C-alpha atoms as a PDB file:
ATOM      1  CA  MET A   1     -83.630  -7.931  15.738  1.00  0.00           C
ATOM      2  CA  ALA A   2     -81.358 -10.977  15.579  1.00  0.00           C
ATOM      3  CA  LYS A   3     -80.294  -9.987  12.070  1.00  0.00           C
ATOM      4  CA  LYS A   4     -79.010  -6.563  13.235  1.00  0.00           C
ATOM      5  CA  ALA A   5     -76.986  -8.125  16.066  1.00  0.00           C
ATOM      6  CA  HIS A   6     -75.416 -10.561  13.606  1.00  0.00           C
ATOM      7  CA  GLN A   7     -74.474  -7.720  11.249  1.00  0.00           C
ATOM      8  CA  LYS A   8     -72.913  -5.743  14.062  1.00  0.00           C
ATOM      9  CA  LYS A   9     -70.772  -8.723  15.125  1.00  0.00           C
ATOM     10  CA  LYS A  10     -69.618  -9.252  11.566  1.00  0.00           C
ATOM     11  CA  THR A  11     -68.492  -5.613  11.226  1.00  0.00           C
ATOM     12  CA  THR A  12     -66.575  -5.709  14.512  1.00  0.00           C
ATOM     13  CA  ALA A  13     -64.836  -8.961  13.589  1.00  0.00           C
ATOM     14  CA  SER A  14     -63.783  -7.672  10.168  1.00  0.00           C
ATOM     15  CA  ARG A  15     -62.463  -4.488  11.697  1.00  0.00           C
ATOM     16  CA  LYS A  16     -60.311  -6.437  14.147  1.00  0.00           C
ATOM     17  CA  SER A  17     -58.948  -8.856  11.571  1.00  0.00           C
ATOM     18  CA  GLY A  18     -58.104  -6.196   8.971  1.00  0.00           C
ATOM     19  CA  ARG A  19     -56.392  -3.808  11.350  1.00  0.00           C
ATOM     20  CA  ASN A  20     -52.829  -2.802  10.469  1.00  0.00           C
ATOM     21  CA  VAL A  21     -50.919   0.061  11.994  1.00  0.00           C
ATOM     22  CA  LEU A  22     -48.460   1.459   9.493  1.00  0.00           C
ATOM     23  CA  ILE A  23     -45.139   3.003  10.414  1.00  0.00           C
ATOM     24  CA  PRO A  24     -44.732   6.191   8.348  1.00  0.00           C
ATOM     25  CA  ASP A  25     -42.204   5.986   5.531  1.00  0.00           C
ATOM     26  CA  CYS A  26     -40.340   9.145   6.538  1.00  0.00           C
ATOM     27  CA  ARG A  27     -36.828   9.776   7.811  1.00  0.00           C
ATOM     28  CA  LYS A  28     -38.151  12.586  10.004  1.00  0.00           C
ATOM     29  CA  PHE A  29     -40.657  10.412  11.900  1.00  0.00           C
ATOM     30  CA  SER A  30     -39.289  10.069  15.428  1.00  0.00           C
ATOM     31  CA  GLY A  31     -41.234   6.966  16.324  1.00  0.00           C
ATOM     32  CA  TYR A  32     -44.127   8.419  18.264  1.00  0.00           C
ATOM     33  CA  LYS A  33     -45.007  11.823  16.870  1.00  0.00           C
ATOM     34  CA  PRO A  34     -44.738  13.912  13.679  1.00  0.00           C
ATOM     35  CA  CYS A  35     -41.630  15.990  13.062  1.00  0.00           C
ATOM     36  CA  ARG A  36     -43.631  19.212  13.608  1.00  0.00           C
ATOM     37  CA  PRO A  37     -46.859  19.979  15.476  1.00  0.00           C
ATOM     38  CA  GLY A  38     -49.968  19.914  13.324  1.00  0.00           C
ATOM     39  CA  LEU A  39     -48.573  17.562  10.684  1.00  0.00           C
ATOM     40  CA  ILE A  40     -50.038  14.173   9.908  1.00  0.00           C
ATOM     41  CA  CYS A  41     -47.509  11.494   9.015  1.00  0.00           C
ATOM     42  CA  ASP A  42     -48.895  10.007   5.833  1.00  0.00           C
ATOM     43  CA  ARG A  43     -48.162  10.082   2.106  1.00  0.00           C
ATOM     44  CA  THR A  44     -49.770  13.534   1.721  1.00  0.00           C
ATOM     45  CA  CYS A  45     -47.291  15.318   4.011  1.00  0.00           C
ATOM     46  CA  LYS A  46     -45.334  17.979   2.106  1.00  0.00           C
ATOM     47  CA  GLU A  47     -42.290  17.596   4.369  1.00  0.00           C
ATOM     48  CA  ARG A  48     -42.131  13.820   3.923  1.00  0.00           C
ATOM     49  CA  SER A  49     -38.660  12.431   3.322  1.00  0.00           C
ATOM     50  CA  PRO A  50     -39.186   8.782   2.295  1.00  0.00           C
ATOM     51  CA  PHE A  51     -36.639   6.057   2.813  1.00  0.00           C
ATOM     52  CA  GLY A  52     -34.996   4.502  -0.182  1.00  0.00           C
ATOM     53  CA  LYS A  53     -34.283   0.810   0.211  1.00  0.00           C
ATOM     54  CA  ARG A  54     -34.705  -0.536   3.742  1.00  0.00           C
ATOM     55  CA  ILE A  55     -31.630  -2.599   4.522  1.00  0.00           C
ATOM     56  CA  LEU A  56     -30.944  -4.702   7.597  1.00  0.00           C
ATOM     57  CA  ILE A  57     -27.548  -6.087   8.548  1.00  0.00           C
ATOM     58  CA  VAL A  58     -27.611  -8.884  11.122  1.00  0.00           C
ATOM     59  CA  ASN A  59     -24.347  -9.553  12.918  1.00  0.00           C
ATOM     60  CA  LEU A  60     -24.513 -11.191  16.331  1.00  0.00           C
ATOM     61  CA  ASP A  61     -20.898 -12.370  16.317  1.00  0.00           C
ATOM     62  CA  ALA A  62     -18.027 -11.184  18.482  1.00  0.00           C
ATOM     63  CA  MET A  63     -17.083  -7.508  18.585  1.00  0.00           C
ATOM     64  CA  GLY A  64     -14.145  -7.968  16.204  1.00  0.00           C
ATOM     65  CA  ALA A  65     -16.409  -9.531  13.584  1.00  0.00           C
ATOM     66  CA  VAL A  66     -18.890  -6.667  13.949  1.00  0.00           C
ATOM     67  CA  LEU A  67     -16.101  -4.140  13.490  1.00  0.00           C
ATOM     68  CA  GLN A  68     -14.807  -5.927  10.390  1.00  0.00           C
ATOM     69  CA  THR A  69     -18.295  -6.054   8.889  1.00  0.00           C
ATOM     70  CA  THR A  70     -18.589  -2.252   9.009  1.00  0.00           C
ATOM     71  CA  ALA A  71     -16.178  -2.224   6.047  1.00  0.00           C
ATOM     72  CA  MET A  72     -19.091  -3.195   3.783  1.00  0.00           C
ATOM     73  CA  LEU A  73     -21.132  -0.079   4.671  1.00  0.00           C
ATOM     74  CA  PRO A  74     -19.513   2.309   2.120  1.00  0.00           C
ATOM     75  CA  ALA A  75     -20.171  -0.187  -0.703  1.00  0.00           C
ATOM     76  CA  ILE A  76     -23.810  -0.598   0.375  1.00  0.00           C
ATOM     77  CA  LYS A  77     -24.282   3.185   0.454  1.00  0.00           C
ATOM     78  CA  ARG A  78     -22.743   3.498  -3.016  1.00  0.00           C
ATOM     79  CA  LYS A  79     -25.109   0.877  -4.400  1.00  0.00           C
ATOM     80  CA  TYR A  80     -28.178   2.224  -2.520  1.00  0.00           C
ATOM     81  CA  PRO A  81     -27.474   5.948  -1.898  1.00  0.00           C
ATOM     82  CA  ASP A  82     -30.918   6.803  -0.467  1.00  0.00           C
ATOM     83  CA  SER A  83     -31.125   3.678   1.649  1.00  0.00           C
ATOM     84  CA  HIS A  84     -32.025   3.407   5.306  1.00  0.00           C
ATOM     85  CA  ILE A  85     -29.537   1.009   6.888  1.00  0.00           C
ATOM     86  CA  SER A  86     -30.375  -0.723  10.155  1.00  0.00           C
ATOM     87  CA  TRP A  87     -28.037  -3.004  12.059  1.00  0.00           C
ATOM     88  CA  LEU A  88     -28.931  -5.719  14.562  1.00  0.00           C
ATOM     89  CA  THR A  89     -26.201  -6.684  17.007  1.00  0.00           C
ATOM     90  CA  LEU A  90     -25.574  -7.744  20.585  1.00  0.00           C
ATOM     91  CA  LYS A  91     -25.529  -5.220  23.417  1.00  0.00           C
ATOM     92  CA  ASN A  92     -21.751  -5.396  23.923  1.00  0.00           C
ATOM     93  CA  ALA A  93     -21.055  -4.497  20.251  1.00  0.00           C
ATOM     94  CA  LYS A  94     -23.434  -1.531  20.050  1.00  0.00           C
ATOM     95  CA  PRO A  95     -20.819   1.066  21.163  1.00  0.00           C
ATOM     96  CA  LEU A  96     -18.714   0.126  18.108  1.00  0.00           C
ATOM     97  CA  LEU A  97     -21.572   1.228  15.834  1.00  0.00           C
ATOM     98  CA  ASP A  98     -23.041   4.161  17.780  1.00  0.00           C
ATOM     99  CA  HIS A  99     -21.535   7.081  15.884  1.00  0.00           C
ATOM    100  CA  ASN A 100     -21.228   5.554  12.442  1.00  0.00           C
ATOM    101  CA  PRO A 101     -22.680   8.116   9.980  1.00  0.00           C
ATOM    102  CA  LEU A 102     -23.608   5.384   7.472  1.00  0.00           C
ATOM    103  CA  LEU A 103     -26.028   3.717   9.903  1.00  0.00           C
ATOM    104  CA  ASP A 104     -29.526   5.072  10.470  1.00  0.00           C
ATOM    105  CA  THR A 105     -30.717   2.697  13.188  1.00  0.00           C
ATOM    106  CA  ILE A 106     -28.956   0.289  15.526  1.00  0.00           C
ATOM    107  CA  TYR A 107     -31.021  -2.447  17.134  1.00  0.00           C
ATOM    108  CA  VAL A 108     -29.864  -4.509  20.096  1.00  0.00           C
ATOM    109  CA  TRP A 109     -30.816  -8.207  20.241  1.00  0.00           C
ATOM    110  CA  GLU A 110     -33.707  -8.173  22.751  1.00  0.00           C
ATOM    111  CA  PRO A 111     -37.247  -9.612  22.720  1.00  0.00           C
ATOM    112  CA  ASP A 112     -38.849  -6.172  22.181  1.00  0.00           C
ATOM    113  CA  THR A 113     -36.538  -5.410  19.281  1.00  0.00           C
ATOM    114  CA  LEU A 114     -37.333  -8.704  17.604  1.00  0.00           C
ATOM    115  CA  LEU A 115     -41.043  -7.847  17.652  1.00  0.00           C
ATOM    116  CA  VAL A 116     -40.324  -4.496  16.034  1.00  0.00           C
ATOM    117  CA  LEU A 117     -38.101  -6.007  13.341  1.00  0.00           C
ATOM    118  CA  GLN A 118     -40.727  -8.607  12.452  1.00  0.00           C
ATOM    119  CA  ASN A 119     -43.121  -5.779  11.578  1.00  0.00           C
ATOM    120  CA  ILE A 120     -40.792  -3.905   9.227  1.00  0.00           C
ATOM    121  CA  VAL A 121     -40.547  -4.942   5.594  1.00  0.00           C
ATOM    122  CA  PHE A 122     -36.912  -4.879   4.504  1.00  0.00           C
ATOM    123  CA  ASP A 123     -35.887  -4.699   0.861  1.00  0.00           C
ATOM    124  CA  VAL A 124     -32.470  -6.254   1.523  1.00  0.00           C
ATOM    125  CA  VAL A 125     -31.220  -8.304   4.483  1.00  0.00           C
ATOM    126  CA  PHE A 126     -27.546  -9.148   4.950  1.00  0.00           C
ATOM    127  CA  SER A 127     -27.082 -11.891   7.516  1.00  0.00           C
ATOM    128  CA  VAL A 128     -23.331 -12.015   7.984  1.00  0.00           C
ATOM    129  CA  ASP A 129     -23.758 -14.156  11.068  1.00  0.00           C
ATOM    130  CA  LYS A 130     -24.437 -17.828  10.404  1.00  0.00           C
ATOM    131  CA  THR A 131     -25.587 -18.803  13.899  1.00  0.00           C
ATOM    132  CA  GLN A 132     -28.934 -20.536  14.385  1.00  0.00           C
ATOM    133  CA  ARG A 133     -30.499 -17.577  16.175  1.00  0.00           C
ATOM    134  CA  ALA A 134     -29.485 -15.100  13.450  1.00  0.00           C
ATOM    135  CA  CYS A 135     -30.676 -17.365  10.638  1.00  0.00           C
ATOM    136  CA  SER A 136     -33.935 -18.115  12.450  1.00  0.00           C
ATOM    137  CA  LEU A 137     -34.638 -14.421  12.894  1.00  0.00           C
ATOM    138  CA  VAL A 138     -33.879 -13.605   9.260  1.00  0.00           C
ATOM    139  CA  ASN A 139     -36.303 -16.329   8.173  1.00  0.00           C
ATOM    140  CA  THR A 140     -39.122 -14.664  10.155  1.00  0.00           C
ATOM    141  CA  LEU A 141     -38.532 -11.159   8.794  1.00  0.00           C
ATOM    142  CA  GLY A 142     -40.628  -9.563   6.083  1.00  0.00           C
ATOM    143  CA  GLU A 143     -38.336  -9.200   3.100  1.00  0.00           C
ATOM    144  CA  GLN A 144     -39.425  -8.258  -0.421  1.00  0.00           C
END
């Protein structure tokens, strides 16, 4: 009897420790549901549109510096044409980036956003901001 209880505990513990929730690698995934009813967001989906390189640009500087940094976006897209480019900035600079067709996602510097970013593996990270907070964040991110 004691042996069965021990085995059950071991299974539960291994399930908890090995648990990872994966974010689907698909441009069509909206964040909380599949792009169409009845689809399952995994590698077997026939409508899957995978990201190329995942790129993050971190710029927490003043608005003028953020605007100047957007000049590097065309060169990044030329080098990585199928890339998914995300940008992390401060709340006041977000309107400068909102309708830029070369950006896929814009993140605002907030505690919730930082948790999300720490769970995404980026292929390339450009930290154009040399402040302590920007550098500290970049050091905690998963980069290949």
